[in-house]
Amino acid sequence: MINDNLIRSLGEQLGRFVSDARSREDMQQSLNAIVQNVFARLDLVTREQFDAQLETLERTRAQLEHLETELARLQEQLTAQDGNRNA
């Protein structure tokens, strides 16, 4: 879900403030676990999932516009037929 490099980078950046190597490693592992847990609870999607949904939305929007145009054409046609019947 979330890029492991991002989590690792955050751990490394915070680890610079801890001088003891063992403490730094423990802190990075704890931070990784915390961040992964937080991200797991969020309703996030990958870029690929987002792009796929965007493509589906664009196709749906195009179909809707086509159907709206077709409906308007049919309504005009029906109105013209009613006008010819009443004339």
PDB file of N, CA and C in Angstrom:
ATOM      1  N   MET A   1       0.836  -1.183   0.000  1.00  0.00           N
ATOM      2  CA  MET A   1       0.000   0.000   0.000  1.00  0.00           C
ATOM      3  C   MET A   1       0.877   1.240   0.000  1.00  0.00           C
ATOM      4  N   ILE A   2       1.698   1.402   1.030  1.00  0.00           N
ATOM      5  CA  ILE A   2       2.601   2.544   1.101  1.00  0.00           C
ATOM      6  C   ILE A   2       3.994   2.059   0.765  1.00  0.00           C
ATOM      7  N   ASN A   3       4.707   2.860   0.057  1.00  0.00           N
ATOM      8  CA  ASN A   3       6.062   2.514  -0.352  1.00  0.00           C
ATOM      9  C   ASN A   3       6.940   2.275   0.877  1.00  0.00           C
ATOM     10  N   ASP A   4       7.543   1.084   0.952  1.00  0.00           N
ATOM     11  CA  ASP A   4       8.413   0.759   2.085  1.00  0.00           C
ATOM     12  C   ASP A   4       9.604   1.703   2.159  1.00  0.00           C
ATOM     13  N   ASN A   5      10.047   2.234   1.033  1.00  0.00           N
ATOM     14  CA  ASN A   5      11.170   3.176   1.029  1.00  0.00           C
ATOM     15  C   ASN A   5      10.828   4.443   1.817  1.00  0.00           C
ATOM     16  N   LEU A   6       9.576   4.877   1.750  1.00  0.00           N
ATOM     17  CA  LEU A   6       9.154   6.054   2.503  1.00  0.00           C
ATOM     18  C   LEU A   6       9.270   5.789   3.993  1.00  0.00           C
ATOM     19  N   ILE A   7       8.781   4.643   4.422  1.00  0.00           N
ATOM     20  CA  ILE A   7       8.831   4.292   5.843  1.00  0.00           C
ATOM     21  C   ILE A   7      10.282   4.149   6.293  1.00  0.00           C
ATOM     22  N   ARG A   8      11.073   3.480   5.486  1.00  0.00           N
ATOM     23  CA  ARG A   8      12.493   3.286   5.812  1.00  0.00           C
ATOM     24  C   ARG A   8      13.213   4.635   5.896  1.00  0.00           C
ATOM     25  N   SER A   9      12.905   5.524   4.970  1.00  0.00           N
ATOM     26  CA  SER A   9      13.524   6.848   4.955  1.00  0.00           C
ATOM     27  C   SER A   9      13.179   7.641   6.218  1.00  0.00           C
ATOM     28  N   LEU A  10      11.909   7.577   6.632  1.00  0.00           N
ATOM     29  CA  LEU A  10      11.510   8.257   7.859  1.00  0.00           C
ATOM     30  C   LEU A  10      12.284   7.714   9.054  1.00  0.00           C
ATOM     31  N   GLY A  11      12.420   6.399   9.114  1.00  0.00           N
ATOM     32  CA  GLY A  11      13.166   5.776  10.203  1.00  0.00           C
ATOM     33  C   GLY A  11      14.620   6.193  10.207  1.00  0.00           C
ATOM     34  N   GLU A  12      15.207   6.260   9.028  1.00  0.00           N
ATOM     35  CA  GLU A  12      16.609   6.661   8.924  1.00  0.00           C
ATOM     36  C   GLU A  12      16.799   8.118   9.342  1.00  0.00           C
ATOM     37  N   GLN A  13      15.890   8.966   8.924  1.00  0.00           N
ATOM     38  CA  GLN A  13      16.006  10.385   9.280  1.00  0.00           C
ATOM     39  C   GLN A  13      15.887  10.595  10.783  1.00  0.00           C
ATOM     40  N   LEU A  14      14.946   9.910  11.401  1.00  0.00           N
ATOM     41  CA  LEU A  14      14.810  10.029  12.850  1.00  0.00           C
ATOM     42  C   LEU A  14      15.955   9.337  13.573  1.00  0.00           C
ATOM     43  N   GLY A  15      16.495   8.293  12.968  1.00  0.00           N
ATOM     44  CA  GLY A  15      17.601   7.565  13.568  1.00  0.00           C
ATOM     45  C   GLY A  15      18.870   8.385  13.677  1.00  0.00           C
ATOM     46  N   ARG A  16      18.992   9.402  12.897  1.00  0.00           N
ATOM     47  CA  ARG A  16      20.175  10.273  12.951  1.00  0.00           C
ATOM     48  C   ARG A  16      20.295  10.991  14.297  1.00  0.00           C
ATOM     49  N   PHE A  17      19.166  11.119  14.988  1.00  0.00           N
ATOM     50  CA  PHE A  17      19.181  11.822  16.271  1.00  0.00           C
ATOM     51  C   PHE A  17      19.580  10.910  17.438  1.00  0.00           C
ATOM     52  N   VAL A  18      19.692   9.612  17.182  1.00  0.00           N
ATOM     53  CA  VAL A  18      20.053   8.661  18.231  1.00  0.00           C
ATOM     54  C   VAL A  18      21.470   8.187  17.953  1.00  0.00           C
ATOM     55  N   SER A  19      22.362   8.337  18.936  1.00  0.00           N
ATOM     56  CA  SER A  19      23.766   8.006  18.708  1.00  0.00           C
ATOM     57  C   SER A  19      24.050   6.512  18.828  1.00  0.00           C
ATOM     58  N   ASP A  20      23.368   5.792  19.712  1.00  0.00           N
ATOM     59  CA  ASP A  20      23.598   4.375  19.925  1.00  0.00           C
ATOM     60  C   ASP A  20      23.003   3.578  18.761  1.00  0.00           C
ATOM     61  N   ALA A  21      23.827   2.758  18.122  1.00  0.00           N
ATOM     62  CA  ALA A  21      23.396   2.022  16.930  1.00  0.00           C
ATOM     63  C   ALA A  21      22.257   1.060  17.248  1.00  0.00           C
ATOM     64  N   ARG A  22      22.341   0.364  18.361  1.00  0.00           N
ATOM     65  CA  ARG A  22      21.284  -0.599  18.718  1.00  0.00           C
ATOM     66  C   ARG A  22      19.966   0.134  19.011  1.00  0.00           C
ATOM     67  N   SER A  23      20.043   1.226  19.732  1.00  0.00           N
ATOM     68  CA  SER A  23      18.843   2.015  20.030  1.00  0.00           C
ATOM     69  C   SER A  23      18.240   2.577  18.748  1.00  0.00           C
ATOM     70  N   ARG A  24      19.104   3.004  17.846  1.00  0.00           N
ATOM     71  CA  ARG A  24      18.637   3.545  16.571  1.00  0.00           C
ATOM     72  C   ARG A  24      17.901   2.472  15.783  1.00  0.00           C
ATOM     73  N   GLU A  25      18.461   1.267  15.737  1.00  0.00           N
ATOM     74  CA  GLU A  25      17.828   0.163  15.000  1.00  0.00           C
ATOM     75  C   GLU A  25      16.481  -0.194  15.632  1.00  0.00           C
ATOM     76  N   ASP A  26      16.437  -0.253  16.973  1.00  0.00           N
ATOM     77  CA  ASP A  26      15.173  -0.541  17.667  1.00  0.00           C
ATOM     78  C   ASP A  26      14.132   0.533  17.380  1.00  0.00           C
ATOM     79  N   MET A  27      14.578   1.794  17.401  1.00  0.00           N
ATOM     80  CA  MET A  27      13.667   2.889  17.139  1.00  0.00           C
ATOM     81  C   MET A  27      13.140   2.825  15.698  1.00  0.00           C
ATOM     82  N   GLN A  28      14.005   2.523  14.751  1.00  0.00           N
ATOM     83  CA  GLN A  28      13.581   2.440  13.356  1.00  0.00           C
ATOM     84  C   GLN A  28      12.579   1.306  13.166  1.00  0.00           C
ATOM     85  N   GLN A  29      12.823   0.165  13.803  1.00  0.00           N
ATOM     86  CA  GLN A  29      11.884  -0.949  13.690  1.00  0.00           C
ATOM     87  C   GLN A  29      10.539  -0.598  14.323  1.00  0.00           C
ATOM     88  N   SER A  30      10.584   0.061  15.473  1.00  0.00           N
ATOM     89  CA  SER A  30       9.341   0.478  16.132  1.00  0.00           C
ATOM     90  C   SER A  30       8.591   1.492  15.277  1.00  0.00           C
ATOM     91  N   LEU A  31       9.325   2.439  14.731  1.00  0.00           N
ATOM     92  CA  LEU A  31       8.702   3.442  13.878  1.00  0.00           C
ATOM     93  C   LEU A  31       8.084   2.791  12.645  1.00  0.00           C
ATOM     94  N   ASN A  32       8.806   1.860  12.041  1.00  0.00           N
ATOM     95  CA  ASN A  32       8.266   1.160  10.876  1.00  0.00           C
ATOM     96  C   ASN A  32       6.950   0.476  11.223  1.00  0.00           C
ATOM     97  N   ALA A  33       6.912  -0.207  12.353  1.00  0.00           N
ATOM     98  CA  ALA A  33       5.695  -0.905  12.763  1.00  0.00           C
ATOM     99  C   ALA A  33       4.550   0.071  13.012  1.00  0.00           C
ATOM    100  N   ILE A  34       4.854   1.179  13.672  1.00  0.00           N
ATOM    101  CA  ILE A  34       3.819   2.177  13.965  1.00  0.00           C
ATOM    102  C   ILE A  34       3.275   2.794  12.680  1.00  0.00           C
ATOM    103  N   VAL A  35       4.172   3.198  11.806  1.00  0.00           N
ATOM    104  CA  VAL A  35       3.746   3.852  10.557  1.00  0.00           C
ATOM    105  C   VAL A  35       2.948   2.884   9.691  1.00  0.00           C
ATOM    106  N   GLN A  36       3.406   1.640   9.583  1.00  0.00           N
ATOM    107  CA  GLN A  36       2.668   0.658   8.787  1.00  0.00           C
ATOM    108  C   GLN A  36       1.282   0.407   9.378  1.00  0.00           C
ATOM    109  N   ASN A  37       1.193   0.371  10.700  1.00  0.00           N
ATOM    110  CA  ASN A  37      -0.091   0.182  11.362  1.00  0.00           C
ATOM    111  C   ASN A  37      -1.022   1.361  11.087  1.00  0.00           C
ATOM    112  N   VAL A  38      -0.506   2.566  11.175  1.00  0.00           N
ATOM    113  CA  VAL A  38      -1.322   3.759  10.917  1.00  0.00           C
ATOM    114  C   VAL A  38      -1.796   3.769   9.460  1.00  0.00           C
ATOM    115  N   PHE A  39      -0.891   3.517   8.538  1.00  0.00           N
ATOM    116  CA  PHE A  39      -1.265   3.519   7.122  1.00  0.00           C
ATOM    117  C   PHE A  39      -2.241   2.400   6.801  1.00  0.00           C
ATOM    118  N   ALA A  40      -2.114   1.269   7.473  1.00  0.00           N
ATOM    119  CA  ALA A  40      -3.020   0.146   7.227  1.00  0.00           C
ATOM    120  C   ALA A  40      -4.450   0.518   7.634  1.00  0.00           C
ATOM    121  N   ARG A  41      -4.595   1.363   8.663  1.00  0.00           N
ATOM    122  CA  ARG A  41      -5.929   1.766   9.108  1.00  0.00           C
ATOM    123  C   ARG A  41      -6.534   2.844   8.230  1.00  0.00           C
ATOM    124  N   LEU A  42      -5.724   3.546   7.476  1.00  0.00           N
ATOM    125  CA  LEU A  42      -6.242   4.582   6.583  1.00  0.00           C
ATOM    126  C   LEU A  42      -6.809   3.937   5.331  1.00  0.00           C
ATOM    127  N   ASP A  43      -7.736   4.594   4.717  1.00  0.00           N
ATOM    128  CA  ASP A  43      -8.352   4.075   3.502  1.00  0.00           C
ATOM    129  C   ASP A  43      -7.595   4.630   2.296  1.00  0.00           C
ATOM    130  N   LEU A  44      -6.404   4.080   2.055  1.00  0.00           N
ATOM    131  CA  LEU A  44      -5.540   4.559   0.981  1.00  0.00           C
ATOM    132  C   LEU A  44      -5.577   3.603  -0.194  1.00  0.00           C
ATOM    133  N   VAL A  45      -5.320   4.119  -1.367  1.00  0.00           N
ATOM    134  CA  VAL A  45      -5.220   3.295  -2.563  1.00  0.00           C
ATOM    135  C   VAL A  45      -3.883   3.567  -3.239  1.00  0.00           C
ATOM    136  N   THR A  46      -3.465   2.618  -4.050  1.00  0.00           N
ATOM    137  CA  THR A  46      -2.222   2.809  -4.792  1.00  0.00           C
ATOM    138  C   THR A  46      -2.478   3.746  -5.966  1.00  0.00           C
ATOM    139  N   ARG A  47      -1.426   4.237  -6.551  1.00  0.00           N
ATOM    140  CA  ARG A  47      -1.542   5.115  -7.721  1.00  0.00           C
ATOM    141  C   ARG A  47      -2.208   4.363  -8.874  1.00  0.00           C
ATOM    142  N   GLU A  48      -1.873   3.077  -9.014  1.00  0.00           N
ATOM    143  CA  GLU A  48      -2.460   2.272 -10.084  1.00  0.00           C
ATOM    144  C   GLU A  48      -3.970   2.132  -9.889  1.00  0.00           C
ATOM    145  N   GLN A  49      -4.398   1.909  -8.643  1.00  0.00           N
ATOM    146  CA  GLN A  49      -5.822   1.806  -8.366  1.00  0.00           C
ATOM    147  C   GLN A  49      -6.525   3.136  -8.635  1.00  0.00           C
ATOM    148  N   PHE A  50      -5.892   4.218  -8.245  1.00  0.00           N
ATOM    149  CA  PHE A  50      -6.458   5.540  -8.480  1.00  0.00           C
ATOM    150  C   PHE A  50      -6.602   5.805  -9.979  1.00  0.00           C
ATOM    151  N   ASP A  51      -5.556   5.493 -10.745  1.00  0.00           N
ATOM    152  CA  ASP A  51      -5.595   5.719 -12.188  1.00  0.00           C
ATOM    153  C   ASP A  51      -6.672   4.866 -12.855  1.00  0.00           C
ATOM    154  N   ALA A  52      -6.823   3.625 -12.395  1.00  0.00           N
ATOM    155  CA  ALA A  52      -7.849   2.748 -12.960  1.00  0.00           C
ATOM    156  C   ALA A  52      -9.247   3.311 -12.678  1.00  0.00           C
ATOM    157  N   GLN A  53      -9.469   3.796 -11.464  1.00  0.00           N
ATOM    158  CA  GLN A  53     -10.760   4.378 -11.128  1.00  0.00           C
ATOM    159  C   GLN A  53     -11.013   5.659 -11.915  1.00  0.00           C
ATOM    160  N   LEU A  54      -9.965   6.450 -12.114  1.00  0.00           N
ATOM    161  CA  LEU A  54     -10.097   7.676 -12.892  1.00  0.00           C
ATOM    162  C   LEU A  54     -10.475   7.358 -14.336  1.00  0.00           C
ATOM    163  N   GLU A  55      -9.851   6.349 -14.902  1.00  0.00           N
ATOM    164  CA  GLU A  55     -10.169   5.939 -16.277  1.00  0.00           C
ATOM    165  C   GLU A  55     -11.620   5.468 -16.373  1.00  0.00           C
ATOM    166  N   THR A  56     -12.067   4.705 -15.396  1.00  0.00           N
ATOM    167  CA  THR A  56     -13.455   4.241 -15.373  1.00  0.00           C
ATOM    168  C   THR A  56     -14.406   5.424 -15.263  1.00  0.00           C
ATOM    169  N   LEU A  57     -14.077   6.375 -14.423  1.00  0.00           N
ATOM    170  CA  LEU A  57     -14.908   7.573 -14.272  1.00  0.00           C
ATOM    171  C   LEU A  57     -14.984   8.356 -15.577  1.00  0.00           C
ATOM    172  N   GLU A  58     -13.868   8.496 -16.267  1.00  0.00           N
ATOM    173  CA  GLU A  58     -13.855   9.240 -17.533  1.00  0.00           C
ATOM    174  C   GLU A  58     -14.716   8.541 -18.590  1.00  0.00           C
ATOM    175  N   ARG A  59     -14.630   7.205 -18.652  1.00  0.00           N
ATOM    176  CA  ARG A  59     -15.468   6.465 -19.603  1.00  0.00           C
ATOM    177  C   ARG A  59     -16.946   6.611 -19.252  1.00  0.00           C
ATOM    178  N   THR A  60     -17.253   6.538 -17.969  1.00  0.00           N
ATOM    179  CA  THR A  60     -18.641   6.670 -17.522  1.00  0.00           C
ATOM    180  C   THR A  60     -19.169   8.064 -17.830  1.00  0.00           C
ATOM    181  N   ARG A  61     -18.344   9.070 -17.613  1.00  0.00           N
ATOM    182  CA  ARG A  61     -18.753  10.447 -17.902  1.00  0.00           C
ATOM    183  C   ARG A  61     -19.025  10.615 -19.405  1.00  0.00           C
ATOM    184  N   ALA A  62     -18.181  10.038 -20.239  1.00  0.00           N
ATOM    185  CA  ALA A  62     -18.383  10.133 -21.688  1.00  0.00           C
ATOM    186  C   ALA A  62     -19.675   9.426 -22.097  1.00  0.00           C
ATOM    187  N   GLN A  63     -19.947   8.276 -21.517  1.00  0.00           N
ATOM    188  CA  GLN A  63     -21.190   7.563 -21.822  1.00  0.00           C
ATOM    189  C   GLN A  63     -22.402   8.374 -21.376  1.00  0.00           C
ATOM    190  N   LEU A  64     -22.303   8.998 -20.203  1.00  0.00           N
ATOM    191  CA  LEU A  64     -23.404   9.825 -19.706  1.00  0.00           C
ATOM    192  C   LEU A  64     -23.665  10.999 -20.643  1.00  0.00           C
ATOM    193  N   GLU A  65     -22.611  11.661 -21.090  1.00  0.00           N
ATOM    194  CA  GLU A  65     -22.774  12.787 -22.014  1.00  0.00           C
ATOM    195  C   GLU A  65     -23.415  12.325 -23.317  1.00  0.00           C
ATOM    196  N   HIS A  66     -23.019  11.169 -23.812  1.00  0.00           N
ATOM    197  CA  HIS A  66     -23.607  10.615 -25.035  1.00  0.00           C
ATOM    198  C   HIS A  66     -25.096  10.336 -24.824  1.00  0.00           C
ATOM    199  N   LEU A  67     -25.443   9.721 -23.689  1.00  0.00           N
ATOM    200  CA  LEU A  67     -26.844   9.410 -23.411  1.00  0.00           C
ATOM    201  C   LEU A  67     -27.673  10.670 -23.219  1.00  0.00           C
ATOM    202  N   GLU A  68     -27.107  11.701 -22.610  1.00  0.00           N
ATOM    203  CA  GLU A  68     -27.826  12.962 -22.446  1.00  0.00           C
ATOM    204  C   GLU A  68     -28.107  13.601 -23.802  1.00  0.00           C
ATOM    205  N   THR A  69     -27.129  13.552 -24.683  1.00  0.00           N
ATOM    206  CA  THR A  69     -27.306  14.096 -26.034  1.00  0.00           C
ATOM    207  C   THR A  69     -28.379  13.313 -26.785  1.00  0.00           C
ATOM    208  N   GLU A  70     -28.333  11.993 -26.669  1.00  0.00           N
ATOM    209  CA  GLU A  70     -29.317  11.142 -27.345  1.00  0.00           C
ATOM    210  C   GLU A  70     -30.715  11.387 -26.781  1.00  0.00           C
ATOM    211  N   LEU A  71     -30.821  11.553 -25.468  1.00  0.00           N
ATOM    212  CA  LEU A  71     -32.114  11.832 -24.849  1.00  0.00           C
ATOM    213  C   LEU A  71     -32.669  13.170 -25.330  1.00  0.00           C
ATOM    214  N   ALA A  72     -31.836  14.178 -25.408  1.00  0.00           N
ATOM    215  CA  ALA A  72     -32.281  15.491 -25.895  1.00  0.00           C
ATOM    216  C   ALA A  72     -32.764  15.380 -27.334  1.00  0.00           C
ATOM    217  N   ARG A  73     -32.044  14.621 -28.161  1.00  0.00           N
ATOM    218  CA  ARG A  73     -32.445  14.432 -29.559  1.00  0.00           C
ATOM    219  C   ARG A  73     -33.798  13.738 -29.643  1.00  0.00           C
ATOM    220  N   LEU A  74     -33.995  12.711 -28.841  1.00  0.00           N
ATOM    221  CA  LEU A  74     -35.264  11.985 -28.859  1.00  0.00           C
ATOM    222  C   LEU A  74     -36.413  12.843 -28.341  1.00  0.00           C
ATOM    223  N   GLN A  75     -36.132  13.668 -27.337  1.00  0.00           N
ATOM    224  CA  GLN A  75     -37.167  14.574 -26.818  1.00  0.00           C
ATOM    225  C   GLN A  75     -37.570  15.586 -27.879  1.00  0.00           C
ATOM    226  N   GLU A  76     -36.590  16.111 -28.594  1.00  0.00           N
ATOM    227  CA  GLU A  76     -36.900  17.059 -29.678  1.00  0.00           C
ATOM    228  C   GLU A  76     -37.720  16.374 -30.767  1.00  0.00           C
ATOM    229  N   GLN A  77     -37.332  15.147 -31.081  1.00  0.00           N
ATOM    230  CA  GLN A  77     -38.051  14.392 -32.109  1.00  0.00           C
ATOM    231  C   GLN A  77     -39.491  14.138 -31.659  1.00  0.00           C
ATOM    232  N   LEU A  78     -39.692  13.792 -30.410  1.00  0.00           N
ATOM    233  CA  LEU A  78     -41.031  13.534 -29.880  1.00  0.00           C
ATOM    234  C   LEU A  78     -41.857  14.818 -29.864  1.00  0.00           C
ATOM    235  N   THR A  79     -41.234  15.919 -29.481  1.00  0.00           N
ATOM    236  CA  THR A  79     -41.926  17.211 -29.468  1.00  0.00           C
ATOM    237  C   THR A  79     -42.333  17.599 -30.887  1.00  0.00           C
ATOM    238  N   ALA A  80     -41.471  17.351 -31.849  1.00  0.00           N
ATOM    239  CA  ALA A  80     -41.790  17.681 -33.252  1.00  0.00           C
ATOM    240  C   ALA A  80     -42.934  16.812 -33.746  1.00  0.00           C
ATOM    241  N   GLN A  81     -42.953  15.547 -33.371  1.00  0.00           N
ATOM    242  CA  GLN A  81     -44.053  14.663 -33.795  1.00  0.00           C
ATOM    243  C   GLN A  81     -45.364  15.097 -33.175  1.00  0.00           C
ATOM    244  N   ASP A  82     -45.336  15.490 -31.900  1.00  0.00           N
ATOM    245  CA  ASP A  82     -46.551  15.966 -31.233  1.00  0.00           C
ATOM    246  C   ASP A  82     -47.042  17.259 -31.902  1.00  0.00           C
ATOM    247  N   GLY A  83     -46.130  18.117 -32.275  1.00  0.00           N
ATOM    248  CA  GLY A  83     -46.492  19.367 -32.942  1.00  0.00           C
ATOM    249  C   GLY A  83     -47.136  19.110 -34.300  1.00  0.00           C
ATOM    250  N   ASN A  84     -46.653  18.116 -35.032  1.00  0.00           N
ATOM    251  CA  ASN A  84     -47.213  17.779 -36.324  1.00  0.00           C
ATOM    252  C   ASN A  84     -48.603  17.164 -36.164  1.00  0.00           C
ATOM    253  N   ARG A  85     -48.834  16.432 -35.102  1.00  0.00           N
ATOM    254  CA  ARG A  85     -50.137  15.816 -34.872  1.00  0.00           C
ATOM    255  C   ARG A  85     -51.199  16.866 -34.504  1.00  0.00           C
ATOM    256  N   ASN A  86     -50.771  17.856 -33.750  1.00  0.00           N
ATOM    257  CA  ASN A  86     -51.714  18.890 -33.304  1.00  0.00           C
ATOM    258  C   ASN A  86     -51.977  19.927 -34.394  1.00  0.00           C
ATOM    259  N   ALA A  87     -51.123  19.987 -35.396  1.00  0.00           N
ATOM    260  CA  ALA A  87     -51.292  21.003 -36.442  1.00  0.00           C
ATOM    261  C   ALA A  87     -52.307  20.629 -37.480  1.00  0.00           C
TER     262      ALA A  87
END
